[in-house]
Amino acid sequence: MKAKVGDRLHVHGRTVGDVEKVGEIVEVHGPDGTPPFLVKYPDGHETLVFPGPDATVEGPAEGTAD
């Protein structure tokens, strides 16, 4: 999995009723765009994430700067 600053990390719910989390990648700490990623969520919370198989990297949200 590779990402760049500005991409979104989408963590899918693994069971029925789990909420999905989507946050903006604000820092990439691995070489060549690999994890871990510092992710900022809409509520302002930031955390260092080592994404698992239930996560995908998506391009930046529409209306944001590249």
C-alpha atoms as a PDB file:
ATOM      1  CA  MET A   1       0.000   0.000   0.000  1.00  0.00           C
ATOM      2  CA  LYS A   2       1.367   3.396  -1.013  1.00  0.00           C
ATOM      3  CA  ALA A   3       0.028   6.891  -0.434  1.00  0.00           C
ATOM      4  CA  LYS A   4       0.967  10.549  -0.602  1.00  0.00           C
ATOM      5  CA  VAL A   5       0.073  13.537   1.544  1.00  0.00           C
ATOM      6  CA  GLY A   6      -3.477  14.626   0.737  1.00  0.00           C
ATOM      7  CA  ASP A   7      -4.769  11.135  -0.055  1.00  0.00           C
ATOM      8  CA  ARG A   8      -7.536   9.688   2.091  1.00  0.00           C
ATOM      9  CA  LEU A   9      -7.300   6.529   4.183  1.00  0.00           C
ATOM     10  CA  HIS A  10     -10.614   4.660   4.209  1.00  0.00           C
ATOM     11  CA  VAL A  11     -10.909   1.983   6.898  1.00  0.00           C
ATOM     12  CA  HIS A  12     -13.906  -0.223   6.155  1.00  0.00           C
ATOM     13  CA  GLY A  13     -16.049  -1.733   8.918  1.00  0.00           C
ATOM     14  CA  ARG A  14     -15.279  -5.407   9.387  1.00  0.00           C
ATOM     15  CA  THR A  15     -18.573  -6.464  10.927  1.00  0.00           C
ATOM     16  CA  VAL A  16     -22.193  -5.420  10.593  1.00  0.00           C
ATOM     17  CA  GLY A  17     -22.731  -2.171  12.471  1.00  0.00           C
ATOM     18  CA  ASP A  18     -19.082  -1.075  12.427  1.00  0.00           C
ATOM     19  CA  VAL A  19     -18.641   2.478  11.246  1.00  0.00           C
ATOM     20  CA  GLU A  20     -16.263   3.270   8.432  1.00  0.00           C
ATOM     21  CA  LYS A  21     -13.509   5.788   9.113  1.00  0.00           C
ATOM     22  CA  VAL A  22     -12.132   8.158   6.501  1.00  0.00           C
ATOM     23  CA  GLY A  23      -9.280  10.527   7.248  1.00  0.00           C
ATOM     24  CA  GLU A  24      -6.754  12.647   5.381  1.00  0.00           C
ATOM     25  CA  ILE A  25      -3.156  11.482   5.240  1.00  0.00           C
ATOM     26  CA  VAL A  26      -1.078  14.403   6.518  1.00  0.00           C
ATOM     27  CA  GLU A  27       2.322  12.668   6.770  1.00  0.00           C
ATOM     28  CA  VAL A  28       3.856   9.556   5.220  1.00  0.00           C
ATOM     29  CA  HIS A  29       6.558   8.026   7.429  1.00  0.00           C
ATOM     30  CA  GLY A  30       7.598   5.002   5.376  1.00  0.00           C
ATOM     31  CA  PRO A  31       9.986   4.950   2.428  1.00  0.00           C
ATOM     32  CA  ASP A  32       8.486   5.518  -1.026  1.00  0.00           C
ATOM     33  CA  GLY A  33       4.980   6.280   0.271  1.00  0.00           C
ATOM     34  CA  THR A  34       4.572   3.201   2.444  1.00  0.00           C
ATOM     35  CA  PRO A  35       3.042   3.079   5.971  1.00  0.00           C
ATOM     36  CA  PRO A  36       2.897   4.225   8.659  1.00  0.00           C
ATOM     37  CA  PHE A  37       0.716   7.247   7.883  1.00  0.00           C
ATOM     38  CA  LEU A  38      -0.248  10.137  10.137  1.00  0.00           C
ATOM     39  CA  VAL A  39      -3.997  10.488   9.546  1.00  0.00           C
ATOM     40  CA  LYS A  40      -6.240  13.395  10.530  1.00  0.00           C
ATOM     41  CA  TYR A  41      -9.934  12.601  10.961  1.00  0.00           C
ATOM     42  CA  PRO A  42     -12.791  15.100  10.483  1.00  0.00           C
ATOM     43  CA  ASP A  43     -13.175  15.542  14.261  1.00  0.00           C
ATOM     44  CA  GLY A  44      -9.575  16.847  14.422  1.00  0.00           C
ATOM     45  CA  HIS A  45      -8.105  13.662  15.939  1.00  0.00           C
ATOM     46  CA  GLU A  46      -4.712  12.644  14.504  1.00  0.00           C
ATOM     47  CA  THR A  47      -3.165   9.204  14.842  1.00  0.00           C
ATOM     48  CA  LEU A  48      -0.326   7.162  13.386  1.00  0.00           C
ATOM     49  CA  VAL A  49      -1.821   4.294  11.368  1.00  0.00           C
ATOM     50  CA  PHE A  50      -0.357   1.026  10.120  1.00  0.00           C
ATOM     51  CA  PRO A  51      -3.265   0.080   7.804  1.00  0.00           C
ATOM     52  CA  GLY A  52      -4.527  -3.472   7.698  1.00  0.00           C
ATOM     53  CA  PRO A  53      -6.314  -5.420   4.958  1.00  0.00           C
ATOM     54  CA  ASP A  54      -9.586  -3.604   5.718  1.00  0.00           C
ATOM     55  CA  ALA A  55      -8.142  -0.235   4.595  1.00  0.00           C
ATOM     56  CA  THR A  56      -7.789   1.408   1.188  1.00  0.00           C
ATOM     57  CA  VAL A  57      -6.015   4.541   0.002  1.00  0.00           C
ATOM     58  CA  GLU A  58      -8.087   6.900  -2.122  1.00  0.00           C
ATOM     59  CA  GLY A  59      -7.189  10.074  -3.963  1.00  0.00           C
ATOM     60  CA  PRO A  60      -7.869  13.436  -2.338  1.00  0.00           C
ATOM     61  CA  ALA A  61     -11.493  14.472  -1.842  1.00  0.00           C
ATOM     62  CA  GLU A  62     -13.009  16.664  -4.531  1.00  0.00           C
ATOM     63  CA  GLY A  63     -12.620  20.357  -3.832  1.00  0.00           C
ATOM     64  CA  THR A  64      -9.292  20.006  -2.029  1.00  0.00           C
ATOM     65  CA  ALA A  65      -5.938  21.257  -3.232  1.00  0.00           C
ATOM     66  CA  ASP A  66      -3.422  18.725  -4.553  1.00  0.00           C
END
